[in-house]
Protein backbone atom coordinates (compact mmCIF):
# COMPACT_ATOMS: atom_id res chain seq x y z
CA MET A 1 5.04 -26.62 -4.12
CA ALA A 2 5.21 -23.21 -5.78
CA LEU A 3 2.10 -21.15 -6.28
CA PRO A 4 1.04 -20.99 -9.93
CA PHE A 5 1.49 -17.84 -11.97
CA LEU A 6 -1.63 -15.72 -12.25
CA ARG A 7 -3.05 -14.07 -15.34
CA THR A 8 -6.17 -12.26 -16.40
CA ASP A 9 -9.04 -13.75 -18.37
CA LYS A 10 -11.28 -10.86 -19.33
CA THR A 11 -12.61 -9.55 -15.98
CA THR A 12 -11.34 -12.54 -13.98
CA ILE A 13 -7.96 -13.46 -12.48
CA VAL A 14 -7.09 -17.12 -13.00
CA ASP A 15 -4.20 -19.47 -12.33
CA GLU A 16 -2.30 -21.45 -14.95
CA ALA A 17 -5.03 -24.10 -15.03
CA GLY A 18 -7.69 -21.48 -15.66
CA ARG A 19 -9.18 -21.68 -12.16
CA PRO A 20 -10.48 -18.36 -10.78
CA VAL A 21 -8.38 -16.83 -7.98
CA ARG A 22 -9.62 -14.11 -5.63
CA LEU A 23 -6.97 -11.79 -4.26
CA ARG A 24 -7.97 -10.72 -0.76
CA GLY A 25 -5.50 -9.55 1.83
CA VAL A 26 -3.83 -6.64 3.56
CA GLY A 27 -1.29 -3.93 2.82
CA LEU A 28 1.99 -3.83 4.71
CA GLY A 29 2.13 -0.06 5.01
CA CYS A 30 5.07 1.80 6.62
CA TRP A 31 7.62 -1.03 6.52
CA LEU A 32 9.49 -0.14 3.31
CA MET A 33 7.88 3.28 2.84
CA MET A 34 7.72 4.99 6.22
CA GLU A 35 4.74 7.25 6.94
CA GLY A 36 4.53 9.75 9.79
CA TYR A 37 1.06 9.10 11.14
CA MET A 38 1.74 5.37 11.20
CA LEU A 39 4.66 6.07 13.55
CA GLY A 40 2.77 8.49 15.77
CA GLY A 41 4.02 11.74 14.25
CA ARG A 42 3.39 14.35 11.60
CA ASN A 43 3.17 13.43 7.94
CA ILE A 44 6.59 14.62 6.84
CA ALA A 45 8.41 13.11 3.88
CA GLU A 46 10.46 10.06 4.84
CA HIS A 47 13.62 11.42 3.26
CA ILE A 48 13.32 14.68 5.23
CA VAL A 49 13.07 12.85 8.56
CA LYS A 50 16.06 10.70 7.62
CA GLN A 51 18.07 13.72 6.55
CA GLU A 52 17.47 15.30 9.95
CA PHE A 53 18.41 12.04 11.65
CA GLU A 54 21.69 11.89 9.73
CA LYS A 55 22.44 15.54 10.38
CA ARG A 56 22.06 14.95 14.10
CA LEU A 57 23.68 11.55 14.55
CA GLY A 58 25.62 10.79 11.38
CA ARG A 59 25.32 8.31 8.53
CA GLU A 60 26.32 5.26 10.54
CA ALA A 61 23.55 5.86 13.08
CA LEU A 62 21.00 6.46 10.30
CA ASP A 63 21.92 3.21 8.60
CA ASP A 64 21.65 1.41 11.94
CA PHE A 65 18.19 2.90 12.57
CA THR A 66 16.93 2.12 9.06
CA ARG A 67 18.25 -1.43 9.12
CA SER A 68 16.87 -2.07 12.62
CA PHE A 69 13.42 -0.81 11.66
CA ARG A 70 13.25 -2.87 8.47
CA GLU A 71 14.37 -6.03 10.25
CA THR A 72 11.83 -5.61 13.06
CA PHE A 73 8.63 -3.90 11.91
CA ILE A 74 7.64 -6.78 9.58
CA ARG A 75 9.04 -10.31 10.02
CA GLU A 76 8.24 -13.76 8.72
CA ASP A 77 5.77 -14.34 11.58
CA ASP A 78 3.66 -11.48 10.23
CA VAL A 79 3.37 -13.09 6.81
CA ARG A 80 2.59 -16.45 8.41
CA ARG A 81 -0.10 -14.79 10.56
CA ILE A 82 -1.74 -13.15 7.54
CA LYS A 83 -1.87 -16.51 5.79
CA GLU A 84 -3.43 -18.13 8.85
CA TRP A 85 -6.23 -15.54 8.76
CA GLY A 86 -7.22 -16.93 5.38
CA ALA A 87 -5.89 -14.13 3.22
CA SER A 88 -4.55 -14.94 -0.24
CA CYS A 89 -2.20 -11.97 -0.76
CA ILE A 90 -0.34 -9.00 0.61
CA ARG A 91 0.24 -5.66 -1.07
CA LEU A 92 3.80 -4.49 -0.40
CA PRO A 93 4.45 -0.74 -0.70
CA PHE A 94 8.04 0.42 -1.18
CA ASN A 95 9.92 3.64 -1.75
CA TYR A 96 12.07 3.79 -4.88
CA ARG A 97 14.85 4.98 -2.56
CA LEU A 98 14.84 1.49 -1.05
CA ILE A 99 16.04 -0.02 -4.31
CA GLN A 100 18.27 2.76 -5.62
CA ARG A 101 20.26 5.16 -3.49
CA GLU A 102 20.52 8.79 -4.51
CA GLY A 103 23.68 9.20 -6.55
CA GLY A 104 23.96 5.47 -7.14
CA ALA A 105 24.43 3.87 -10.54
CA GLU A 106 21.12 4.09 -12.37
CA ASP A 107 21.44 0.69 -14.01
CA VAL A 108 22.16 -1.14 -10.73
CA LEU A 109 19.78 -1.95 -7.89
CA ASN A 110 20.77 -1.31 -4.28
CA GLU A 111 21.21 -4.90 -3.13
CA GLU A 112 20.77 -4.20 0.56
CA GLY A 113 17.47 -2.45 -0.04
CA VAL A 114 16.19 -4.98 -2.55
CA SER A 115 17.04 -7.76 -0.10
CA TYR A 116 13.97 -6.75 1.91
CA LEU A 117 11.77 -7.27 -1.12
CA ASP A 118 13.56 -10.59 -1.65
CA ARG A 119 12.84 -11.77 1.88
CA ALA A 120 9.19 -10.71 1.74
CA ILE A 121 8.77 -12.63 -1.51
CA ASP A 122 10.53 -15.64 0.00
CA TRP A 123 8.20 -15.53 3.01
CA CYS A 124 5.17 -15.32 0.75
CA GLU A 125 6.40 -18.28 -1.28
CA LYS A 126 7.02 -20.31 1.88
CA HIS A 127 3.55 -19.57 3.29
CA ASP A 128 1.58 -19.75 0.02
CA LEU A 129 0.65 -16.10 -0.21
CA TYR A 130 0.68 -13.98 -3.33
CA CYS A 131 2.55 -10.67 -3.20
CA ILE A 132 1.76 -7.49 -5.11
CA LEU A 133 4.78 -5.19 -5.37
CA ASP A 134 3.65 -1.57 -5.10
CA MET A 135 5.93 1.38 -5.94
CA HIS A 136 4.48 3.79 -3.40
CA ALA A 137 7.00 6.57 -4.01
CA ALA A 138 8.50 7.20 -7.45
CA PRO A 139 11.48 9.42 -8.38
CA GLY A 140 10.35 13.04 -8.17
CA SER A 141 7.14 12.01 -6.33
CA GLN A 142 4.01 11.21 -8.33
CA ASN A 143 1.86 13.35 -6.01
CA HIS A 144 2.49 16.10 -3.49
CA ASP A 145 1.71 14.09 -0.36
CA TRP A 146 4.00 12.49 2.22
CA HIS A 147 3.12 8.96 1.12
CA SER A 148 4.99 9.53 -2.13
CA ASP A 149 7.95 10.79 -0.06
CA SER A 150 7.20 14.32 -1.24
CA SER A 151 8.03 17.41 0.77
CA GLY A 152 5.09 19.18 -0.86
CA GLU A 153 6.21 19.23 -4.48
CA SER A 154 5.69 16.74 -7.30
CA THR A 155 8.07 16.86 -10.27
CA PHE A 156 7.64 13.32 -11.57
CA PHE A 157 5.27 14.17 -14.41
CA SER A 158 7.24 17.25 -15.48
CA ASP A 159 10.72 15.72 -15.48
CA PRO A 160 11.47 13.23 -18.30
CA ARG A 161 14.62 12.12 -16.48
CA GLU A 162 12.64 10.99 -13.46
CA GLN A 163 10.19 9.12 -15.69
CA GLU A 164 13.07 7.41 -17.48
CA ARG A 165 14.58 6.44 -14.15
CA TYR A 166 11.23 5.07 -13.00
CA CYS A 167 10.83 2.91 -16.11
CA ARG A 168 14.40 1.68 -15.79
CA LEU A 169 13.85 0.70 -12.14
CA TRP A 170 10.76 -1.32 -12.99
CA GLY A 171 12.67 -3.04 -15.78
CA LEU A 172 15.41 -4.00 -13.32
CA LEU A 173 12.91 -5.30 -10.77
CA ALA A 174 10.91 -7.21 -13.35
CA GLY A 175 14.07 -8.85 -14.66
CA ARG A 176 14.99 -9.90 -11.14
CA TYR A 177 11.57 -11.38 -10.33
CA ALA A 178 10.37 -12.64 -13.69
CA GLU A 179 10.36 -16.28 -12.56
CA ARG A 180 8.82 -15.75 -9.10
CA SER A 181 5.30 -17.13 -9.41
CA CYS A 182 4.21 -16.04 -5.91
CA ILE A 183 4.30 -12.46 -7.16
CA ALA A 184 0.77 -11.78 -8.36
CA GLY A 185 1.96 -8.71 -10.21
CA TYR A 186 3.38 -5.20 -10.13
CA ASP A 187 1.35 -2.22 -8.91
CA VAL A 188 3.42 0.15 -10.98
CA LEU A 189 2.52 3.54 -9.41
CA ASN A 190 0.58 4.43 -6.28
CA GLU A 191 -1.96 7.28 -6.46
CA PRO A 192 -0.68 9.52 -9.26
CA ILE A 193 -2.00 13.09 -9.28
CA VAL A 194 -2.23 15.26 -12.41
CA PRO A 195 -4.78 17.78 -13.68
CA ILE A 196 -7.68 16.05 -15.39
CA SER A 197 -6.56 17.58 -18.67
CA ARG A 198 -3.26 15.66 -18.38
CA GLU A 199 -4.60 12.22 -17.50
CA GLY A 200 -3.51 11.07 -20.94
CA ASP A 201 0.08 11.64 -19.82
CA VAL A 202 -0.43 9.03 -17.09
CA ARG A 203 -1.69 6.48 -19.58
CA THR A 204 1.27 7.25 -21.86
CA LEU A 205 3.64 6.69 -18.96
CA TYR A 206 1.90 3.43 -18.10
CA GLU A 207 2.39 2.27 -21.68
CA ARG A 208 6.11 3.13 -21.42
CA VAL A 209 6.62 1.26 -18.16
CA THR A 210 4.68 -1.68 -19.58
CA LYS A 211 7.17 -1.85 -22.45
CA ALA A 212 10.12 -1.73 -20.03
CA ILE A 213 8.66 -4.56 -17.96
CA ARG A 214 7.58 -6.72 -20.89
CA GLU A 215 11.08 -6.66 -22.35
CA VAL A 216 12.16 -8.87 -19.44
CA ASP A 217 8.95 -10.28 -17.94
CA ALA A 218 6.06 -11.50 -20.06
CA ARG A 219 4.10 -13.29 -17.34
CA HIS A 220 3.25 -11.12 -14.36
CA MET A 221 0.06 -9.08 -14.16
CA LEU A 222 0.39 -5.31 -14.18
CA PHE A 223 -1.79 -3.21 -11.86
CA PHE A 224 -2.60 0.32 -13.05
CA GLU A 225 -4.04 2.83 -10.59
CA GLY A 226 -6.34 5.70 -11.41
CA THR A 227 -5.61 9.36 -10.80
CA GLU A 228 -6.97 11.48 -7.94
CA TRP A 229 -5.71 9.05 -5.33
CA ALA A 230 -6.75 6.06 -7.48
CA GLN A 231 -10.34 7.24 -7.82
CA ARG A 232 -10.54 8.18 -11.54
CA ILE A 233 -9.97 5.30 -13.97
CA GLU A 234 -11.99 6.24 -17.05
CA PHE A 235 -8.92 7.70 -18.77
CA LEU A 236 -7.32 4.23 -18.81
CA GLY A 237 -9.75 3.04 -21.50
CA LYS A 238 -9.13 -0.34 -23.11
CA PRO A 239 -6.12 -2.16 -21.65
CA TRP A 240 -3.04 -1.94 -23.86
CA ASP A 241 -1.58 -5.07 -22.25
CA ALA A 242 -3.50 -8.36 -22.16
CA ASN A 243 -2.46 -9.05 -18.57
CA SER A 244 -3.67 -5.83 -16.95
CA VAL A 245 -5.64 -5.12 -13.76
CA TYR A 246 -7.15 -1.72 -12.98
CA SER A 247 -6.81 -0.51 -9.40
CA ILE A 248 -8.95 1.81 -7.28
CA HIS A 249 -8.81 3.07 -3.67
CA THR A 250 -12.08 3.66 -1.79
CA TYR A 251 -12.13 5.67 1.44
CA LEU A 252 -15.37 7.60 1.01
CA PRO A 253 -16.56 9.46 2.95
CA THR A 254 -13.18 10.61 4.27
CA ASP A 255 -14.74 12.90 6.86
CA PHE A 256 -15.78 9.64 8.55
CA THR A 257 -13.11 7.13 7.56
CA PHE A 258 -10.18 9.47 8.25
CA ASN A 259 -11.91 11.06 11.28
CA PHE A 260 -11.51 14.50 9.74
CA VAL A 261 -14.82 15.44 11.39
CA PRO A 262 -14.78 13.86 14.86
CA GLY A 263 -18.02 12.43 16.14
CA LEU A 264 -19.47 11.24 12.84
CA SER A 265 -21.09 7.82 12.96
CA TYR A 266 -21.74 5.42 10.10
CA PRO A 267 -24.22 5.43 8.44
CA VAL A 268 -23.41 9.13 8.21
CA THR A 269 -26.32 11.54 8.61
CA ASP A 270 -24.46 14.81 9.10
CA ALA A 271 -25.93 18.12 7.94
CA ARG A 272 -23.27 18.34 5.22
CA ILE A 273 -23.17 14.71 4.11
CA THR A 274 -25.13 11.51 4.24
CA TRP A 275 -23.50 8.18 3.44
CA GLU A 276 -24.61 4.59 3.83
CA LYS A 277 -24.04 1.23 2.19
CA LYS A 278 -26.06 2.08 -0.92
CA ASP A 279 -23.75 5.04 -1.60
CA SER A 280 -20.65 2.84 -1.50
CA ALA A 281 -22.51 0.34 -3.69
CA ALA A 282 -23.26 3.05 -6.25
CA VAL A 283 -19.58 4.04 -6.42
CA LEU A 284 -18.42 0.44 -6.85
CA ASP A 285 -21.15 -0.31 -9.41
CA GLU A 286 -19.89 2.54 -11.58
CA TYR A 287 -16.38 1.08 -11.44
CA CYS A 288 -17.75 -2.36 -12.28
CA ARG A 289 -19.59 -1.06 -15.32
CA PHE A 290 -16.31 0.36 -16.56
CA ARG A 291 -14.51 -2.91 -15.75
CA ASP A 292 -17.06 -4.96 -17.68
CA LYS A 293 -17.00 -2.59 -20.65
CA GLN A 294 -13.20 -2.70 -20.90
CA GLY A 295 -12.85 -6.41 -20.05
CA VAL A 296 -10.31 -6.02 -17.24
CA PRO A 297 -10.26 -7.21 -13.59
CA LEU A 298 -10.77 -4.66 -10.82
CA PHE A 299 -8.67 -4.45 -7.65
CA ASP A 300 -9.45 -2.25 -4.63
CA GLY A 301 -5.93 -1.83 -3.33
CA GLU A 302 -6.79 0.36 -0.34
CA PHE A 303 -9.73 0.97 1.94
CA GLY A 304 -9.66 1.41 5.69
CA VAL A 305 -10.92 3.39 8.64
CA GLN A 306 -9.63 5.30 11.67
CA TRP A 307 -10.66 3.20 14.66
CA ARG A 308 -12.39 5.06 17.51
CA GLY A 309 -13.18 2.12 19.73
CA GLY A 310 -15.82 0.71 17.42
CA GLN A 311 -18.45 3.07 18.78
CA PHE A 312 -19.01 5.00 15.58
CA GLY A 313 -19.89 2.26 13.12
CA GLU A 314 -16.35 1.48 12.00
CA SER A 315 -16.98 -2.27 11.81
CA ARG A 316 -20.16 -1.71 9.86
CA TRP A 317 -18.38 0.47 7.29
CA VAL A 318 -15.60 -2.08 6.79
CA GLY A 319 -18.09 -4.96 6.68
CA ASP A 320 -20.14 -3.17 4.04
CA MET A 321 -17.06 -2.50 1.92
CA VAL A 322 -15.73 -6.06 1.92
CA GLU A 323 -19.19 -7.53 1.33
CA LEU A 324 -19.76 -5.19 -1.60
CA CYS A 325 -16.36 -6.05 -3.08
CA ASN A 326 -16.89 -9.78 -2.64
CA GLU A 327 -20.36 -9.64 -4.19
CA ARG A 328 -18.97 -7.80 -7.22
CA ASP A 329 -15.84 -9.93 -7.68
CA ILE A 330 -13.56 -7.00 -6.84
CA HIS A 331 -10.18 -8.11 -5.51
CA TRP A 332 -8.99 -6.19 -2.43
CA THR A 333 -6.36 -5.50 0.21
CA TYR A 334 -7.21 -3.72 3.46
CA TRP A 335 -5.14 -0.69 4.51
CA THR A 336 -3.28 -1.37 6.73
CA TYR A 337 -1.66 -4.13 8.81
CA LYS A 338 -0.13 -2.19 11.72
CA THR A 339 0.34 1.38 12.97
CA VAL A 340 0.93 3.38 16.08
CA ALA A 341 -2.59 4.18 17.32
CA ASN A 342 -3.47 7.69 16.24
CA TYR A 343 -6.46 9.99 15.78
CA ILE A 344 -6.75 10.54 12.04
CA PHE A 345 -6.20 8.47 8.88
CA PRO A 346 -6.78 4.70 8.60
CA ASP A 347 -4.90 2.78 11.25
CA GLY A 348 -3.86 -0.80 11.62
CA ILE A 349 -5.37 -4.14 12.45
CA PHE A 350 -2.54 -4.15 14.96
CA ARG A 351 -2.15 -0.88 16.91
CA TYR A 352 0.61 0.29 19.22
CA VAL A 353 -1.32 1.85 22.09
CA GLN A 354 1.49 2.55 24.58
CA ASP A 355 2.95 6.04 25.02
CA PRO A 356 6.72 5.78 25.58
CA PRO A 357 8.96 8.81 24.90
CA TRP A 358 9.32 7.88 21.20
CA VAL A 359 5.53 8.14 20.78
CA HIS A 360 4.79 10.97 23.26
CA ARG A 361 1.30 11.78 21.99
CA ALA A 362 0.96 14.86 24.20
CA GLY A 363 4.23 16.38 23.10
CA ALA A 364 4.94 19.27 20.78
CA VAL A 365 7.28 16.78 19.10
CA SER A 366 5.96 13.25 18.83
CA GLY A 367 6.40 9.97 17.01
CA TRP A 368 9.20 9.54 14.54
CA GLU A 369 10.40 13.12 14.97
CA THR A 370 11.66 12.06 18.42
CA PHE A 371 13.65 9.12 17.07
CA SER A 372 16.96 10.89 16.45
CA SER A 373 17.08 12.48 19.92
CA LEU A 374 16.23 9.19 21.65
CA TRP A 375 18.16 6.73 19.52
CA PRO A 376 21.45 6.95 21.48
CA THR A 377 19.75 6.12 24.82
CA GLU A 378 16.54 4.23 23.92
CA ARG A 379 17.65 2.24 20.88
CA GLU A 380 16.97 -1.26 22.24
CA LYS A 381 13.58 -0.35 23.72
CA MET A 382 12.52 1.34 20.48
CA ILE A 383 13.49 -1.68 18.40
CA GLU A 384 11.61 -4.01 20.74
CA SER A 385 8.51 -1.81 20.56
CA TRP A 386 8.32 -2.18 16.77
CA LYS A 387 7.66 -5.93 16.97
CA THR A 388 4.08 -6.90 16.27
CA GLU A 389 3.78 -8.84 19.53
CA ASN A 390 3.98 -5.48 21.32
CA PHE A 391 1.03 -4.13 19.32
CA THR A 392 -2.59 -4.71 20.34
CA ARG A 393 -4.75 -6.60 17.89
CA ASN A 394 -8.05 -4.97 17.02
CA ASP A 395 -10.12 -8.12 17.55
CA ALA A 396 -13.32 -6.69 16.10
CA LEU A 397 -11.59 -5.74 12.85
CA TYR A 398 -9.53 -8.93 12.80
CA ASP A 399 -12.59 -11.16 13.20
CA LEU A 400 -14.53 -9.21 10.59
CA LEU A 401 -11.81 -9.52 7.95
CA LYS A 402 -11.02 -13.13 8.78
CA LYS A 403 -14.63 -14.13 8.12
CA ARG A 404 -14.63 -12.41 4.76
CA PHE A 405 -11.24 -13.44 3.37
CA ALA A 406 -12.59 -16.87 2.51
CA VAL A 407 -16.18 -16.00 1.50
CA PRO A 408 -16.78 -17.62 -1.91
CA GLN A 409 -17.69 -15.47 -4.88
CA PRO A 410 -21.03 -15.94 -6.65
């Protein structure tokens, strides 16, 4: 039996019968938008790493690598496992390059790339999970960081052609998936960055992409992220579409959660910063006041922590965040499902802790920057290593999230 379509009712998300639905789950980072630290290496733009791979080994080898990674890193068993935890959704990040090759026809989707979205949606439908499609990297890059596939420059907001391409891509996707009820909605743009004085340009763009989507899909919810890495949402104002959700990301304090300052423990009582549960509560309460004023649901699409063995209060920080979100009826997805174990930035519930040559933590070159040199000789071992059964589950984090996926709302 198909999951019912979801819609908004003021600050609540409901199904077709009007019953409240709480979206709680996990993000599937790195699968369809590769990130360096998640693969044990430097945070270099995905397209740059792939260009170097092709330069070294040729297009056929690059296609083989890309296809092998996509068919292995996330599989149906992963979606089934997430459902068995008690989650109700996944957030699925993807690179626009997945769905439209450079130089390809702009009014046609790349069927091979889109097939991975298709299969993820099919898996979600089969296992009764909602899916939020998240364009993590837009044409021209919506921020200057690696996770928008940027090599350090963002031209998206200064190039009308890239914005037109972006709107056209969402129109094509929405037309393809308009009748898929297991899609909770479209997270139309991950973490846009503009000067505060130009935040109005982001809202204008959101209105444009809304129009492109609504021409072919009147039913799915639309998720709109704030600026400054989804932290500033005031500029969004009243929703211009009746089926809108506003999205935030909450990693504060990043010196602790990202391990930028090693040795910090939570609650944080460093000379430069103090942070405890009441500080996170104050941040979320401000967002909730805005939500209630505007009459729109609130979704925390990303929060997570770099795991240092659980000795520094990592579980307590995560537990505080999910409890605060649940108490305030904030929908959420934890970032992220799986990564190569690393030393900075939020890592996965599943972590690859081994150190084969294609990880090589002690090396001057490590992680995915080794892939092209090792692919001819280590291909089969590398592919096998990407399967989740070869990752180590963080049981403390797993148990914590599992308990809170199903906690009822007040």
